[in-house]
N, C-alpha and C. Protein backbone atom coordinates (compact mmCIF):
# COMPACT_ATOMS: atom_id res chain seq x y z
N UNK A 1 -23.34 10.59 -30.39
CA UNK A 1 -22.38 9.98 -29.58
C UNK A 1 -23.00 8.67 -29.03
N UNK A 2 -22.26 7.59 -29.09
CA UNK A 2 -22.80 6.32 -28.54
C UNK A 2 -22.06 6.01 -27.22
N UNK A 3 -22.47 4.93 -26.61
CA UNK A 3 -21.95 4.61 -25.24
C UNK A 3 -20.42 4.35 -25.26
N UNK A 4 -19.87 3.85 -26.43
CA UNK A 4 -18.48 3.67 -26.50
C UNK A 4 -17.65 4.99 -26.41
N UNK A 5 -18.17 6.00 -27.06
CA UNK A 5 -17.54 7.30 -26.99
C UNK A 5 -17.57 7.83 -25.58
N UNK A 6 -18.64 7.74 -24.91
CA UNK A 6 -18.77 8.19 -23.53
C UNK A 6 -17.79 7.41 -22.64
N UNK A 7 -17.73 6.14 -22.80
CA UNK A 7 -16.82 5.27 -22.03
C UNK A 7 -15.41 5.74 -22.28
N UNK A 8 -14.96 5.93 -23.48
CA UNK A 8 -13.55 6.34 -23.74
C UNK A 8 -13.28 7.65 -23.02
N UNK A 9 -14.22 8.67 -23.12
CA UNK A 9 -13.99 9.95 -22.55
C UNK A 9 -13.94 9.83 -21.01
N UNK A 10 -14.78 9.00 -20.41
CA UNK A 10 -14.75 8.84 -18.96
C UNK A 10 -13.37 8.23 -18.56
N UNK A 11 -12.96 7.19 -19.25
CA UNK A 11 -11.67 6.56 -18.93
C UNK A 11 -10.50 7.48 -19.08
N UNK A 12 -10.48 8.27 -20.12
CA UNK A 12 -9.46 9.24 -20.32
C UNK A 12 -9.44 10.32 -19.17
N UNK A 13 -10.63 10.76 -18.80
CA UNK A 13 -10.77 11.73 -17.73
C UNK A 13 -10.27 11.11 -16.38
N UNK A 14 -10.73 9.87 -16.14
CA UNK A 14 -10.32 9.19 -14.96
C UNK A 14 -8.78 9.04 -14.84
N UNK A 15 -8.22 8.62 -16.00
CA UNK A 15 -6.77 8.39 -16.01
C UNK A 15 -6.02 9.74 -15.73
N UNK A 16 -6.47 10.82 -16.35
CA UNK A 16 -5.82 12.12 -16.12
C UNK A 16 -5.97 12.53 -14.69
N UNK A 17 -7.09 12.26 -14.03
CA UNK A 17 -7.26 12.59 -12.60
C UNK A 17 -6.30 11.76 -11.73
N UNK A 18 -6.17 10.44 -12.10
CA UNK A 18 -5.25 9.57 -11.35
C UNK A 18 -3.80 10.01 -11.54
N UNK A 19 -3.41 10.50 -12.70
CA UNK A 19 -2.08 11.00 -12.86
C UNK A 19 -1.83 12.28 -12.05
N UNK A 20 -2.81 13.18 -12.02
CA UNK A 20 -2.73 14.34 -11.19
C UNK A 20 -2.68 13.99 -9.67
N UNK A 21 -3.52 13.01 -9.25
CA UNK A 21 -3.54 12.58 -7.91
C UNK A 21 -2.19 11.99 -7.53
N UNK A 22 -1.63 11.19 -8.39
CA UNK A 22 -0.35 10.56 -8.20
C UNK A 22 0.71 11.69 -8.00
N UNK A 23 0.73 12.65 -8.79
CA UNK A 23 1.71 13.79 -8.77
C UNK A 23 1.65 14.44 -7.38
N UNK A 24 0.44 14.79 -6.95
CA UNK A 24 0.36 15.48 -5.71
C UNK A 24 0.63 14.60 -4.45
N UNK A 25 0.23 13.34 -4.51
CA UNK A 25 0.57 12.48 -3.41
C UNK A 25 2.14 12.30 -3.34
N UNK A 26 2.75 12.21 -4.48
CA UNK A 26 4.22 12.07 -4.51
C UNK A 26 4.88 13.27 -3.90
N UNK A 27 4.43 14.49 -4.22
CA UNK A 27 4.91 15.72 -3.59
C UNK A 27 4.82 15.68 -2.12
N UNK A 28 3.67 15.32 -1.61
CA UNK A 28 3.43 15.35 -0.19
C UNK A 28 4.18 14.17 0.50
N UNK A 29 4.24 13.05 -0.14
CA UNK A 29 4.95 11.90 0.41
C UNK A 29 6.45 12.21 0.63
N UNK A 30 7.06 12.95 -0.29
CA UNK A 30 8.44 13.31 -0.15
C UNK A 30 8.68 14.25 1.03
N UNK A 31 7.60 14.91 1.49
CA UNK A 31 7.68 15.78 2.66
C UNK A 31 7.27 15.07 3.94
N UNK A 32 7.38 13.77 3.96
CA UNK A 32 7.10 12.96 5.10
C UNK A 32 5.60 12.92 5.59
N UNK A 33 4.67 13.16 4.70
CA UNK A 33 3.32 13.01 5.04
C UNK A 33 2.93 11.58 4.94
N UNK A 34 2.63 10.90 6.11
CA UNK A 34 2.49 9.45 6.15
C UNK A 34 1.20 9.04 5.44
N UNK A 35 0.11 9.92 5.48
CA UNK A 35 -1.07 9.55 4.70
C UNK A 35 -0.78 9.53 3.21
N UNK A 36 -0.07 10.57 2.71
CA UNK A 36 0.28 10.63 1.29
C UNK A 36 1.24 9.43 0.95
N UNK A 37 2.13 9.04 1.81
CA UNK A 37 2.99 7.94 1.60
C UNK A 37 2.15 6.65 1.41
N UNK A 38 1.19 6.46 2.23
CA UNK A 38 0.32 5.29 2.08
C UNK A 38 -0.40 5.33 0.75
N UNK A 39 -1.01 6.48 0.44
CA UNK A 39 -1.82 6.59 -0.85
C UNK A 39 -0.94 6.36 -2.01
N UNK A 40 0.31 6.92 -2.01
CA UNK A 40 1.21 6.71 -3.10
C UNK A 40 1.60 5.27 -3.22
N UNK A 41 1.84 4.61 -2.12
CA UNK A 41 2.21 3.15 -2.18
C UNK A 41 1.04 2.39 -2.81
N UNK A 42 -0.19 2.73 -2.43
CA UNK A 42 -1.36 2.03 -3.03
C UNK A 42 -1.49 2.31 -4.48
N UNK A 43 -1.16 3.48 -4.95
CA UNK A 43 -1.19 3.82 -6.43
C UNK A 43 -0.15 3.00 -7.12
N UNK A 44 1.02 2.91 -6.59
CA UNK A 44 2.12 2.13 -7.19
C UNK A 44 1.68 0.61 -7.20
N UNK A 45 1.13 0.14 -6.09
CA UNK A 45 0.78 -1.22 -5.98
C UNK A 45 -0.27 -1.58 -7.04
N UNK A 46 -1.29 -0.72 -7.22
CA UNK A 46 -2.39 -1.01 -8.14
C UNK A 46 -2.09 -0.58 -9.54
N UNK A 47 -1.07 0.25 -9.72
CA UNK A 47 -0.80 0.70 -11.11
C UNK A 47 -1.76 1.75 -11.53
N UNK A 48 -2.20 2.63 -10.61
CA UNK A 48 -3.18 3.66 -10.90
C UNK A 48 -2.44 4.98 -10.96
N UNK A 49 -2.62 5.72 -12.09
CA UNK A 49 -1.93 6.94 -12.25
C UNK A 49 -0.44 6.85 -12.57
N UNK A 50 0.07 5.68 -12.58
CA UNK A 50 1.43 5.34 -12.88
C UNK A 50 1.55 3.89 -13.28
N UNK A 51 2.67 3.45 -13.75
CA UNK A 51 2.95 2.05 -14.01
C UNK A 51 2.98 1.28 -12.70
N UNK A 52 2.51 0.06 -12.66
CA UNK A 52 2.56 -0.78 -11.42
C UNK A 52 4.03 -1.04 -11.12
N UNK A 53 4.37 -0.83 -9.86
CA UNK A 53 5.81 -1.02 -9.45
C UNK A 53 5.80 -1.46 -8.02
N UNK A 54 5.96 -2.79 -7.80
CA UNK A 54 5.90 -3.35 -6.43
C UNK A 54 7.07 -2.90 -5.60
N UNK A 55 8.25 -2.73 -6.19
CA UNK A 55 9.37 -2.24 -5.35
C UNK A 55 9.14 -0.84 -4.83
N UNK A 56 8.64 0.04 -5.64
CA UNK A 56 8.31 1.38 -5.20
C UNK A 56 7.13 1.39 -4.21
N UNK A 57 6.16 0.55 -4.47
CA UNK A 57 5.06 0.38 -3.51
C UNK A 57 5.64 -0.03 -2.14
N UNK A 58 6.51 -1.02 -2.17
CA UNK A 58 7.11 -1.52 -0.89
C UNK A 58 7.84 -0.35 -0.21
N UNK A 59 8.61 0.44 -0.96
CA UNK A 59 9.37 1.55 -0.44
C UNK A 59 8.43 2.53 0.35
N UNK A 60 7.30 2.89 -0.33
CA UNK A 60 6.48 3.87 0.29
C UNK A 60 5.58 3.33 1.42
N UNK A 61 5.26 2.04 1.34
CA UNK A 61 4.52 1.40 2.44
C UNK A 61 5.51 1.40 3.66
N UNK A 62 6.81 1.10 3.43
CA UNK A 62 7.73 1.05 4.51
C UNK A 62 7.94 2.49 5.15
N UNK A 63 8.00 3.52 4.34
CA UNK A 63 8.16 4.88 4.85
C UNK A 63 6.94 5.25 5.68
N UNK A 64 5.75 4.97 5.17
CA UNK A 64 4.54 5.25 5.90
C UNK A 64 4.38 4.46 7.22
N UNK A 65 4.82 3.20 7.15
CA UNK A 65 4.73 2.36 8.34
C UNK A 65 5.74 2.84 9.41
N UNK A 66 6.93 3.25 8.93
CA UNK A 66 7.93 3.75 9.92
C UNK A 66 7.49 5.12 10.51
N UNK A 67 6.59 5.79 9.74
CA UNK A 67 6.10 7.08 10.20
C UNK A 67 4.80 6.89 11.05
N UNK A 68 4.43 5.66 11.34
CA UNK A 68 3.32 5.37 12.26
C UNK A 68 2.01 5.05 11.60
N UNK A 69 1.95 4.97 10.27
CA UNK A 69 0.61 4.70 9.65
C UNK A 69 0.28 3.22 9.86
N UNK A 70 -0.85 2.99 10.53
CA UNK A 70 -1.23 1.66 10.96
C UNK A 70 -1.55 0.74 9.77
N UNK A 71 -2.29 1.32 8.75
CA UNK A 71 -2.60 0.50 7.58
C UNK A 71 -1.35 0.14 6.80
N UNK A 72 -0.36 1.05 6.75
CA UNK A 72 0.88 0.77 6.08
C UNK A 72 1.63 -0.34 6.78
N UNK A 73 1.49 -0.35 8.16
CA UNK A 73 2.17 -1.39 8.93
C UNK A 73 1.57 -2.81 8.51
N UNK A 74 0.29 -2.83 8.45
CA UNK A 74 -0.35 -4.08 7.99
C UNK A 74 0.09 -4.46 6.60
N UNK A 75 -0.05 -3.52 5.64
CA UNK A 75 0.33 -3.83 4.24
C UNK A 75 1.78 -4.32 4.12
N UNK A 76 2.66 -3.66 4.87
CA UNK A 76 4.08 -4.02 4.85
C UNK A 76 4.23 -5.48 5.34
N UNK A 77 3.54 -5.81 6.35
CA UNK A 77 3.55 -7.26 6.86
C UNK A 77 3.01 -8.18 5.69
N UNK A 78 1.98 -7.77 5.04
CA UNK A 78 1.44 -8.54 3.90
C UNK A 78 2.50 -8.73 2.77
N UNK A 79 3.21 -7.63 2.44
CA UNK A 79 4.22 -7.68 1.38
C UNK A 79 5.35 -8.60 1.70
N UNK A 80 5.74 -8.56 3.01
CA UNK A 80 6.82 -9.47 3.46
C UNK A 80 6.27 -10.98 3.45
N UNK A 81 5.03 -11.20 3.80
CA UNK A 81 4.46 -12.49 3.77
C UNK A 81 4.40 -13.09 2.40
N UNK A 82 3.99 -12.25 1.41
CA UNK A 82 3.81 -12.70 0.04
C UNK A 82 5.08 -12.62 -0.83
N UNK A 83 6.09 -11.82 -0.35
CA UNK A 83 7.24 -11.61 -1.12
C UNK A 83 7.00 -10.66 -2.36
N UNK A 84 6.09 -9.73 -2.17
CA UNK A 84 5.81 -8.79 -3.21
C UNK A 84 6.56 -7.46 -3.02
N UNK A 85 7.50 -7.18 -3.97
CA UNK A 85 8.26 -5.95 -3.89
C UNK A 85 9.48 -6.15 -2.94
N UNK A 86 9.62 -7.23 -2.34
CA UNK A 86 10.74 -7.63 -1.53
C UNK A 86 10.81 -9.15 -1.36
N UNK A 87 11.78 -9.62 -0.71
CA UNK A 87 11.98 -11.06 -0.45
C UNK A 87 10.97 -11.42 0.69
N UNK A 88 10.47 -12.62 0.58
CA UNK A 88 9.65 -13.18 1.69
C UNK A 88 10.46 -13.18 3.00
N UNK A 89 9.88 -12.75 4.11
CA UNK A 89 10.59 -12.76 5.36
C UNK A 89 9.58 -12.87 6.47
N UNK A 90 9.38 -14.10 7.01
CA UNK A 90 8.39 -14.29 8.09
C UNK A 90 8.65 -13.55 9.35
N UNK A 91 9.89 -13.33 9.71
CA UNK A 91 10.26 -12.58 10.92
C UNK A 91 9.69 -11.14 10.77
N UNK A 92 9.96 -10.52 9.62
CA UNK A 92 9.51 -9.12 9.41
C UNK A 92 8.05 -9.13 9.21
N UNK A 93 7.48 -10.20 8.60
CA UNK A 93 6.01 -10.28 8.48
C UNK A 93 5.39 -10.20 9.90
N UNK A 94 5.87 -11.06 10.73
CA UNK A 94 5.37 -11.09 12.08
C UNK A 94 5.57 -9.78 12.78
N UNK A 95 6.75 -9.13 12.66
CA UNK A 95 7.02 -7.86 13.30
C UNK A 95 5.96 -6.79 12.88
N UNK A 96 5.75 -6.65 11.56
CA UNK A 96 4.83 -5.60 11.12
C UNK A 96 3.37 -5.93 11.44
N UNK A 97 2.99 -7.15 11.32
CA UNK A 97 1.60 -7.51 11.76
C UNK A 97 1.42 -7.23 13.29
N UNK A 98 2.44 -7.54 14.05
CA UNK A 98 2.39 -7.30 15.50
C UNK A 98 2.29 -5.77 15.76
N UNK A 99 3.07 -4.97 15.09
CA UNK A 99 3.07 -3.55 15.25
C UNK A 99 1.69 -2.99 14.91
N UNK A 100 1.12 -3.42 13.80
CA UNK A 100 -0.25 -2.92 13.34
C UNK A 100 -1.24 -3.44 14.36
N UNK A 101 -1.13 -4.65 14.82
CA UNK A 101 -2.12 -5.28 15.77
C UNK A 101 -2.10 -4.44 17.06
N UNK A 102 -0.90 -4.16 17.56
CA UNK A 102 -0.76 -3.34 18.82
C UNK A 102 -1.41 -1.97 18.67
N UNK A 103 -1.50 -1.51 17.42
CA UNK A 103 -2.08 -0.20 17.21
C UNK A 103 -3.57 -0.36 16.81
N UNK A 104 -4.15 -1.51 16.98
CA UNK A 104 -5.59 -1.66 16.78
C UNK A 104 -6.06 -2.09 15.48
N UNK A 105 -5.20 -2.55 14.53
CA UNK A 105 -5.60 -3.04 13.26
C UNK A 105 -6.18 -4.42 13.35
N UNK A 106 -7.49 -4.52 13.05
CA UNK A 106 -8.24 -5.79 13.28
C UNK A 106 -7.69 -6.96 12.44
N UNK A 107 -7.45 -6.68 11.14
CA UNK A 107 -6.95 -7.76 10.24
C UNK A 107 -5.59 -8.26 10.70
N UNK A 108 -4.72 -7.27 11.14
CA UNK A 108 -3.41 -7.67 11.62
C UNK A 108 -3.54 -8.56 12.91
N UNK A 109 -4.55 -8.27 13.74
CA UNK A 109 -4.76 -9.07 14.91
C UNK A 109 -5.20 -10.47 14.48
N UNK A 110 -5.96 -10.61 13.46
CA UNK A 110 -6.42 -11.94 12.99
C UNK A 110 -5.20 -12.73 12.38
N UNK A 111 -4.40 -12.00 11.63
CA UNK A 111 -3.20 -12.56 11.05
C UNK A 111 -2.24 -13.09 12.13
N UNK A 112 -2.06 -12.32 13.19
CA UNK A 112 -1.24 -12.72 14.28
C UNK A 112 -1.81 -14.03 14.96
N UNK A 113 -3.09 -14.06 15.11
CA UNK A 113 -3.73 -15.25 15.72
C UNK A 113 -3.38 -16.49 14.82
N UNK A 114 -3.51 -16.31 13.52
CA UNK A 114 -3.18 -17.44 12.62
C UNK A 114 -1.69 -17.80 12.67
N UNK A 115 -0.81 -16.84 12.84
CA UNK A 115 0.61 -17.12 12.98
C UNK A 115 0.87 -17.98 14.27
N UNK A 116 0.23 -17.54 15.39
CA UNK A 116 0.44 -18.18 16.61
C UNK A 116 -0.07 -19.59 16.51
N UNK A 117 -1.25 -19.79 15.87
CA UNK A 117 -1.81 -21.10 15.71
C UNK A 117 -0.91 -22.00 14.88
N UNK A 118 -0.40 -21.49 13.83
CA UNK A 118 0.48 -22.28 12.85
C UNK A 118 1.84 -22.53 13.35
N UNK A 119 2.44 -21.61 14.11
CA UNK A 119 3.86 -21.78 14.46
C UNK A 119 4.14 -22.07 15.95
N UNK A 120 3.11 -22.02 16.81
CA UNK A 120 3.42 -22.25 18.19
C UNK A 120 2.53 -23.35 18.74
């Protein structure tokens, strides 16, 4: 066996684990588990364990954010800012960054500072 064989086996094993991970996060996310919703959104966003799908990533980030997940609140602001999986919307960008910042998310606090500097 050479290193290419080992690499192919590891990649296949990793992909199978990601598909299994995706399956179980999806099950838990449908039952309103905000941590699973965040993880599922990240898998959709990165295309790990499933095809990359920004609209589905947006959907699950939004569900997790509405359920109080601080990281999801930040990521949702980012998606609105960049127009990934949804239309760009600076008002919603600001809203979600502010929500995450109020909950102690450091990067969201930095983003808000930049918004205030740029727009006020």
